[in-house]
């Protein structure tokens, strides 16, 4: 693992931590892969992004994380928080999802 971020889900019965973990890009025969995990409380997720080099694989993994977070029911509920409510999560998203960004994500991505 090369990086992690802790998101928080505000629930009536108490907060739930949602850890996002990013693993180092790995060289394959022709391309690179970068795996990430999101510990959603209902169903943990593991995905792998593929790029032509390590940097592209890492960037695509970050965008895939952003897409998963912003497309989640937890974001739609308004109960998912990183640093402050409605300030974003610090992950970029693909260009066709930028209309979903909030807070600092909207300013900087």
Protein backbone atom coordinates (compact mmCIF):
# COMPACT_ATOMS: atom_id res chain seq x y z
CA UNK A 1 0.00 0.00 0.00
CA UNK A 2 1.34 3.42 -0.90
CA UNK A 3 -1.50 5.63 0.33
CA UNK A 4 -4.77 5.60 2.22
CA UNK A 5 -7.54 8.01 3.13
CA UNK A 6 -10.21 7.68 5.77
CA UNK A 7 -13.70 8.86 4.85
CA UNK A 8 -16.48 8.93 7.43
CA UNK A 9 -20.08 7.91 7.00
CA UNK A 10 -22.41 9.72 9.42
CA UNK A 11 -25.04 7.23 10.56
CA UNK A 12 -27.77 7.41 13.20
CA UNK A 13 -26.17 4.56 15.15
CA UNK A 14 -22.75 6.25 14.99
CA UNK A 15 -20.05 7.02 12.47
CA UNK A 16 -18.55 4.34 10.22
CA UNK A 17 -15.02 4.67 8.87
CA UNK A 18 -14.53 3.97 5.18
CA UNK A 19 -10.89 3.42 4.33
CA UNK A 20 -9.64 3.92 0.78
CA UNK A 21 -6.35 2.15 0.03
CA UNK A 22 -4.16 2.59 -3.04
CA UNK A 23 -1.44 0.11 -3.92
CA UNK A 24 1.73 0.75 -5.90
CA UNK A 25 1.47 0.41 -9.67
CA UNK A 26 2.76 -2.92 -10.97
CA UNK A 27 4.42 -3.49 -14.33
CA UNK A 28 2.75 -6.15 -16.47
CA UNK A 29 3.93 -7.51 -19.82
CA UNK A 30 2.75 -4.53 -21.87
CA UNK A 31 1.08 -2.12 -19.44
CA UNK A 32 0.85 -1.15 -15.78
CA UNK A 33 -1.87 -1.83 -13.21
CA UNK A 34 -2.81 -0.02 -10.01
CA UNK A 35 -5.18 -1.65 -7.53
CA UNK A 36 -7.32 0.17 -5.00
CA UNK A 37 -9.82 -0.82 -2.31
CA UNK A 38 -12.76 1.00 -0.73
CA UNK A 39 -14.13 -0.45 2.50
CA UNK A 40 -17.80 0.36 1.91
CA UNK A 41 -19.80 -0.86 4.92
CA UNK A 42 -22.31 -2.76 2.78
CA UNK A 43 -19.87 -4.26 0.26
CA UNK A 44 -16.09 -3.70 0.14
CA UNK A 45 -14.79 -2.91 -3.34
CA UNK A 46 -11.51 -3.81 -5.04
CA UNK A 47 -10.71 -2.63 -8.57
CA UNK A 48 -7.65 -2.27 -10.77
CA UNK A 49 -6.86 0.52 -13.21
CA UNK A 50 -4.69 -0.18 -16.25
CA UNK A 51 -2.40 2.39 -17.89
CA UNK A 52 0.42 2.56 -20.39
CA UNK A 53 2.82 3.52 -17.59
CA UNK A 54 2.79 3.73 -13.79
CA UNK A 55 1.69 7.36 -13.68
CA UNK A 56 -1.28 6.80 -15.97
CA UNK A 57 -2.33 3.71 -14.00
CA UNK A 58 -2.16 5.69 -10.74
CA UNK A 59 -4.10 8.64 -12.18
CA UNK A 60 -6.79 6.35 -13.56
CA UNK A 61 -7.05 4.60 -10.18
CA UNK A 62 -7.55 7.97 -8.46
CA UNK A 63 -10.25 8.91 -10.98
CA UNK A 64 -11.94 5.54 -10.54
CA UNK A 65 -12.00 6.10 -6.78
CA UNK A 66 -13.49 9.55 -7.29
CA UNK A 67 -16.13 8.10 -9.62
CA UNK A 68 -17.03 5.35 -7.13
CA UNK A 69 -17.30 7.82 -4.25
CA UNK A 70 -19.32 10.46 -6.11
CA UNK A 71 -21.65 7.86 -7.69
CA UNK A 72 -22.31 6.17 -4.34
CA UNK A 73 -25.58 6.26 -2.45
CA UNK A 74 -23.53 7.43 0.54
CA UNK A 75 -22.52 10.62 -1.28
CA UNK A 76 -26.10 11.13 -2.52
CA UNK A 77 -27.36 10.86 1.06
CA UNK A 78 -25.08 13.73 2.14
CA UNK A 79 -23.71 11.60 4.98
CA UNK A 80 -20.28 10.87 3.52
CA UNK A 81 -17.54 13.18 4.81
CA UNK A 82 -13.81 13.56 4.45
CA UNK A 83 -12.67 16.73 6.24
CA UNK A 84 -16.00 18.57 6.41
CA UNK A 85 -19.52 18.00 5.12
CA UNK A 86 -20.03 18.93 1.45
CA UNK A 87 -16.37 19.92 1.00
CA UNK A 88 -15.45 17.00 -1.25
CA UNK A 89 -13.23 13.97 -0.85
CA UNK A 90 -9.93 14.98 -2.49
CA UNK A 91 -10.19 12.60 -5.45
CA UNK A 92 -10.35 13.65 -9.10
CA UNK A 93 -13.11 12.32 -11.34
CA UNK A 94 -13.34 11.75 -15.10
CA UNK A 95 -14.40 14.88 -17.00
CA UNK A 96 -17.93 13.59 -17.64
CA UNK A 97 -18.59 13.51 -13.86
CA UNK A 98 -17.33 16.96 -12.88
CA UNK A 99 -20.89 18.24 -12.48
CA UNK A 100 -21.15 16.06 -9.34
CA UNK A 101 -18.21 17.70 -7.54
CA UNK A 102 -18.76 19.71 -4.36
CA UNK A 103 -16.71 22.01 -2.15
CA UNK A 104 -12.96 22.08 -2.66
CA UNK A 105 -13.18 19.32 -5.27
CA UNK A 106 -15.34 21.65 -7.38
CA UNK A 107 -12.76 24.43 -7.02
CA UNK A 108 -9.63 22.42 -7.72
CA UNK A 109 -10.67 19.53 -9.99
